[in-house]
């Protein structure tokens, strides 16, 4: 079992037994995370900042990289809908 901790605008902890997207982990933790496009890497509204545990997150895919480039996102920013956790991590919302 591992934990994904959400900090910032909304806070909570998701305890997970299997790999899950940060967007779905937020839902499990009862954390509100905007995702206007329905989690399809089109809008960037689910952007989060990785605080710890980046090594326990999936690599950036082409769709995520494209949207983050358009948004001029920092290197630690990710789209929650496209980022899968497979170990302990902490991300900031907002």
N, C-alpha and C. Protein backbone atom coordinates (compact mmCIF):
# COMPACT_ATOMS: atom_id res chain seq x y z
N UNK A 1 0.85 -1.17 0.00
CA UNK A 1 0.00 0.00 0.00
C UNK A 1 0.89 1.24 0.00
N UNK A 2 0.42 2.30 -0.68
CA UNK A 2 1.16 3.55 -0.72
C UNK A 2 0.19 4.71 -0.62
N UNK A 3 0.75 5.92 -0.40
CA UNK A 3 -0.09 7.09 -0.19
C UNK A 3 0.25 8.19 -1.19
N UNK A 4 -0.79 8.88 -1.64
CA UNK A 4 -0.63 10.10 -2.42
C UNK A 4 -1.24 11.21 -1.58
N UNK A 5 -0.40 12.20 -1.25
CA UNK A 5 -0.83 13.31 -0.41
C UNK A 5 -1.08 14.53 -1.27
N UNK A 6 -2.21 15.17 -1.06
CA UNK A 6 -2.58 16.39 -1.78
C UNK A 6 -2.51 17.55 -0.80
N UNK A 7 -1.81 18.62 -1.20
CA UNK A 7 -1.69 19.80 -0.36
C UNK A 7 -2.11 21.02 -1.17
N UNK A 8 -2.18 22.16 -0.49
CA UNK A 8 -2.50 23.40 -1.18
C UNK A 8 -3.95 23.78 -1.01
N UNK A 9 -4.57 24.19 -2.12
CA UNK A 9 -5.95 24.68 -2.12
C UNK A 9 -6.91 23.67 -1.48
N UNK A 10 -6.75 22.41 -1.79
CA UNK A 10 -7.55 21.33 -1.20
C UNK A 10 -6.57 20.28 -0.70
N UNK A 11 -6.86 19.68 0.44
CA UNK A 11 -5.93 18.72 1.03
C UNK A 11 -6.59 17.39 1.32
N UNK A 12 -5.79 16.34 1.26
CA UNK A 12 -6.27 15.00 1.57
C UNK A 12 -5.22 13.96 1.27
N UNK A 13 -5.48 12.74 1.67
CA UNK A 13 -4.55 11.63 1.43
C UNK A 13 -5.33 10.46 0.85
N UNK A 14 -4.82 9.92 -0.24
CA UNK A 14 -5.40 8.71 -0.83
C UNK A 14 -4.48 7.55 -0.51
N UNK A 15 -5.02 6.50 0.09
CA UNK A 15 -4.27 5.27 0.34
C UNK A 15 -4.64 4.30 -0.77
N UNK A 16 -3.63 3.89 -1.53
CA UNK A 16 -3.86 3.09 -2.73
C UNK A 16 -3.15 1.75 -2.66
N UNK A 17 -3.75 0.75 -3.29
CA UNK A 17 -3.14 -0.56 -3.37
C UNK A 17 -2.63 -0.87 -4.77
N UNK A 18 -3.07 -0.07 -5.75
CA UNK A 18 -2.62 -0.28 -7.13
C UNK A 18 -2.43 1.07 -7.81
N UNK A 19 -1.70 1.06 -8.91
CA UNK A 19 -1.44 2.27 -9.67
C UNK A 19 -2.75 2.94 -10.06
N UNK A 20 -2.78 4.29 -9.92
CA UNK A 20 -3.99 5.04 -10.22
C UNK A 20 -3.58 6.44 -10.64
N UNK A 21 -4.36 7.08 -11.50
CA UNK A 21 -4.05 8.45 -11.90
C UNK A 21 -4.22 9.37 -10.71
N UNK A 22 -3.49 10.48 -10.71
CA UNK A 22 -3.63 11.45 -9.63
C UNK A 22 -5.04 12.00 -9.57
N UNK A 23 -5.69 12.13 -10.71
CA UNK A 23 -7.07 12.62 -10.75
C UNK A 23 -7.99 11.68 -9.98
N UNK A 24 -7.88 10.39 -10.23
CA UNK A 24 -8.72 9.41 -9.54
C UNK A 24 -8.31 9.26 -8.07
N UNK A 25 -7.02 9.41 -7.79
CA UNK A 25 -6.56 9.36 -6.40
C UNK A 25 -7.15 10.53 -5.61
N UNK A 26 -7.22 11.70 -6.24
CA UNK A 26 -7.82 12.87 -5.58
C UNK A 26 -9.28 12.58 -5.24
N UNK A 27 -10.00 11.99 -6.17
CA UNK A 27 -11.40 11.64 -5.91
C UNK A 27 -11.52 10.71 -4.71
N UNK A 28 -10.65 9.71 -4.67
CA UNK A 28 -10.67 8.76 -3.54
C UNK A 28 -10.39 9.46 -2.22
N UNK A 29 -9.56 10.50 -2.26
CA UNK A 29 -9.20 11.25 -1.05
C UNK A 29 -10.25 12.30 -0.70
N UNK A 30 -11.27 12.45 -1.54
CA UNK A 30 -12.28 13.47 -1.31
C UNK A 30 -11.78 14.87 -1.60
N UNK A 31 -10.78 14.95 -2.47
CA UNK A 31 -10.16 16.23 -2.82
C UNK A 31 -10.74 16.73 -4.14
N UNK A 32 -11.19 17.96 -4.15
CA UNK A 32 -11.74 18.57 -5.36
C UNK A 32 -10.60 18.98 -6.28
N UNK A 33 -10.63 18.49 -7.50
CA UNK A 33 -9.61 18.81 -8.49
C UNK A 33 -10.31 19.06 -9.82
N UNK A 34 -10.26 20.30 -10.29
CA UNK A 34 -10.93 20.68 -11.53
C UNK A 34 -10.36 19.89 -12.71
N UNK A 35 -11.24 19.47 -13.61
CA UNK A 35 -10.84 18.76 -14.83
C UNK A 35 -11.92 18.96 -15.89
N UNK A 36 -11.91 20.12 -16.49
CA UNK A 36 -12.98 20.53 -17.41
C UNK A 36 -13.13 19.63 -18.63
N UNK A 37 -12.05 19.04 -19.10
CA UNK A 37 -12.15 18.23 -20.31
C UNK A 37 -12.50 16.78 -20.00
N UNK A 38 -12.75 16.47 -18.74
CA UNK A 38 -13.12 15.11 -18.38
C UNK A 38 -11.94 14.18 -18.24
N UNK A 39 -10.74 14.72 -18.10
CA UNK A 39 -9.55 13.89 -17.92
C UNK A 39 -8.94 13.38 -19.21
N UNK A 40 -9.04 14.16 -20.29
CA UNK A 40 -8.53 13.72 -21.59
C UNK A 40 -7.33 14.51 -22.09
N UNK A 41 -6.63 15.21 -21.19
CA UNK A 41 -5.42 15.97 -21.53
C UNK A 41 -5.66 17.01 -22.61
N UNK A 42 -6.75 17.74 -22.48
CA UNK A 42 -7.05 18.77 -23.47
C UNK A 42 -7.08 20.18 -22.89
N UNK A 43 -7.28 20.32 -21.57
CA UNK A 43 -7.51 21.66 -21.03
C UNK A 43 -6.43 22.14 -20.05
N UNK A 44 -5.80 21.27 -19.33
CA UNK A 44 -4.77 21.67 -18.38
C UNK A 44 -5.29 22.14 -17.03
N UNK A 45 -6.60 22.04 -16.79
CA UNK A 45 -7.15 22.53 -15.52
C UNK A 45 -6.82 21.64 -14.33
N UNK A 46 -6.34 20.44 -14.57
CA UNK A 46 -5.99 19.52 -13.47
C UNK A 46 -4.49 19.57 -13.15
N UNK A 47 -3.85 20.66 -13.52
CA UNK A 47 -2.40 20.80 -13.31
C UNK A 47 -2.07 20.82 -11.81
N UNK A 48 -1.07 20.04 -11.43
CA UNK A 48 -0.58 19.98 -10.06
C UNK A 48 0.94 20.12 -10.08
N UNK A 49 1.51 20.41 -8.92
CA UNK A 49 2.97 20.51 -8.79
C UNK A 49 3.46 19.38 -7.91
N UNK A 50 4.42 18.62 -8.40
CA UNK A 50 4.99 17.51 -7.64
C UNK A 50 5.91 18.08 -6.58
N UNK A 51 5.63 17.76 -5.33
CA UNK A 51 6.47 18.21 -4.22
C UNK A 51 7.46 17.14 -3.79
N UNK A 52 7.01 15.88 -3.75
CA UNK A 52 7.87 14.75 -3.37
C UNK A 52 7.41 13.51 -4.12
N UNK A 53 8.34 12.60 -4.32
CA UNK A 53 7.99 11.30 -4.90
C UNK A 53 7.84 11.27 -6.40
N UNK A 54 8.46 12.20 -7.10
CA UNK A 54 8.37 12.23 -8.55
C UNK A 54 8.81 10.92 -9.21
N UNK A 55 9.71 10.21 -8.57
CA UNK A 55 10.18 8.93 -9.10
C UNK A 55 9.09 7.86 -9.06
N UNK A 56 8.05 8.10 -8.26
CA UNK A 56 6.94 7.15 -8.15
C UNK A 56 5.76 7.52 -9.03
N UNK A 57 6.02 8.40 -9.99
CA UNK A 57 4.98 8.81 -10.93
C UNK A 57 5.36 8.39 -12.35
N UNK A 58 4.36 8.19 -13.19
CA UNK A 58 4.60 7.79 -14.57
C UNK A 58 5.37 8.88 -15.33
N UNK A 59 6.00 8.48 -16.42
CA UNK A 59 6.68 9.42 -17.31
C UNK A 59 5.65 10.28 -18.04
N UNK A 60 6.05 11.46 -18.46
CA UNK A 60 5.16 12.32 -19.24
C UNK A 60 4.98 11.73 -20.63
N UNK A 61 3.73 11.64 -21.05
CA UNK A 61 3.42 11.16 -22.38
C UNK A 61 3.32 12.33 -23.36
N UNK A 62 3.08 12.03 -24.62
CA UNK A 62 3.04 13.05 -25.67
C UNK A 62 1.93 14.07 -25.44
N UNK A 63 0.72 13.62 -25.10
CA UNK A 63 -0.41 14.55 -24.90
C UNK A 63 -0.14 15.48 -23.72
N UNK A 64 0.35 14.92 -22.62
CA UNK A 64 0.66 15.73 -21.44
C UNK A 64 1.77 16.73 -21.75
N UNK A 65 2.80 16.28 -22.40
CA UNK A 65 3.93 17.16 -22.75
C UNK A 65 3.46 18.31 -23.63
N UNK A 66 2.58 18.03 -24.57
CA UNK A 66 2.07 19.07 -25.47
C UNK A 66 1.29 20.13 -24.69
N UNK A 67 0.36 19.71 -23.84
CA UNK A 67 -0.46 20.65 -23.07
C UNK A 67 0.42 21.44 -22.10
N UNK A 68 1.32 20.77 -21.41
CA UNK A 68 2.20 21.48 -20.47
C UNK A 68 3.07 22.50 -21.20
N UNK A 69 3.49 22.19 -22.41
CA UNK A 69 4.26 23.14 -23.22
C UNK A 69 3.45 24.37 -23.58
N UNK A 70 2.21 24.16 -23.97
CA UNK A 70 1.31 25.27 -24.30
C UNK A 70 1.11 26.16 -23.08
N UNK A 71 1.00 25.54 -21.90
CA UNK A 71 0.78 26.28 -20.65
C UNK A 71 2.06 26.88 -20.08
N UNK A 72 3.19 26.59 -20.70
CA UNK A 72 4.50 27.03 -20.21
C UNK A 72 4.70 26.61 -18.75
N UNK A 73 4.35 25.36 -18.48
CA UNK A 73 4.43 24.79 -17.14
C UNK A 73 5.87 24.54 -16.73
N UNK A 74 6.10 24.60 -15.42
CA UNK A 74 7.42 24.30 -14.87
C UNK A 74 7.71 22.81 -14.94
N UNK A 75 8.96 22.45 -14.71
CA UNK A 75 9.38 21.05 -14.84
C UNK A 75 8.72 20.12 -13.82
N UNK A 76 8.28 20.64 -12.69
CA UNK A 76 7.65 19.82 -11.67
C UNK A 76 6.12 19.79 -11.79
N UNK A 77 5.58 20.46 -12.79
CA UNK A 77 4.13 20.48 -12.98
C UNK A 77 3.70 19.31 -13.85
N UNK A 78 2.56 18.74 -13.49
CA UNK A 78 2.01 17.59 -14.21
C UNK A 78 0.51 17.75 -14.36
N UNK A 79 -0.07 17.01 -15.29
CA UNK A 79 -1.53 16.93 -15.42
C UNK A 79 -1.98 15.71 -14.62
N UNK A 80 -2.86 15.94 -13.64
CA UNK A 80 -3.31 14.85 -12.77
C UNK A 80 -4.01 13.75 -13.56
N UNK A 81 -4.67 14.11 -14.65
CA UNK A 81 -5.39 13.11 -15.43
C UNK A 81 -4.46 12.17 -16.20
N UNK A 82 -3.22 12.60 -16.41
CA UNK A 82 -2.27 11.83 -17.21
C UNK A 82 -1.12 11.24 -16.40
N UNK A 83 -1.08 11.55 -15.11
CA UNK A 83 0.02 11.12 -14.25
C UNK A 83 -0.46 10.00 -13.33
N UNK A 84 0.21 8.86 -13.42
CA UNK A 84 -0.16 7.69 -12.63
C UNK A 84 0.84 7.49 -11.50
N UNK A 85 0.31 7.31 -10.29
CA UNK A 85 1.14 7.07 -9.11
C UNK A 85 1.28 5.57 -8.89
N UNK A 86 2.51 5.15 -8.56
CA UNK A 86 2.74 3.75 -8.23
C UNK A 86 3.56 3.62 -6.95
N UNK A 87 3.64 4.71 -6.19
CA UNK A 87 4.33 4.75 -4.91
C UNK A 87 4.02 6.06 -4.22
N UNK A 88 4.56 6.24 -3.02
CA UNK A 88 4.30 7.44 -2.23
C UNK A 88 4.69 8.70 -2.98
N UNK A 89 3.80 9.69 -2.97
CA UNK A 89 4.05 10.97 -3.63
C UNK A 89 3.24 12.05 -2.94
N UNK A 90 3.69 13.28 -3.11
CA UNK A 90 2.97 14.44 -2.59
C UNK A 90 2.88 15.47 -3.70
N UNK A 91 1.68 15.99 -3.93
CA UNK A 91 1.46 17.00 -4.98
C UNK A 91 0.67 18.16 -4.41
N UNK A 92 0.96 19.36 -4.93
CA UNK A 92 0.27 20.57 -4.51
C UNK A 92 -0.75 20.96 -5.57
N UNK A 93 -1.95 21.29 -5.12
CA UNK A 93 -3.02 21.75 -5.99
C UNK A 93 -3.09 23.27 -5.91
N UNK A 94 -3.21 23.90 -7.07
CA UNK A 94 -3.36 25.35 -7.10
C UNK A 94 -2.07 26.12 -7.08
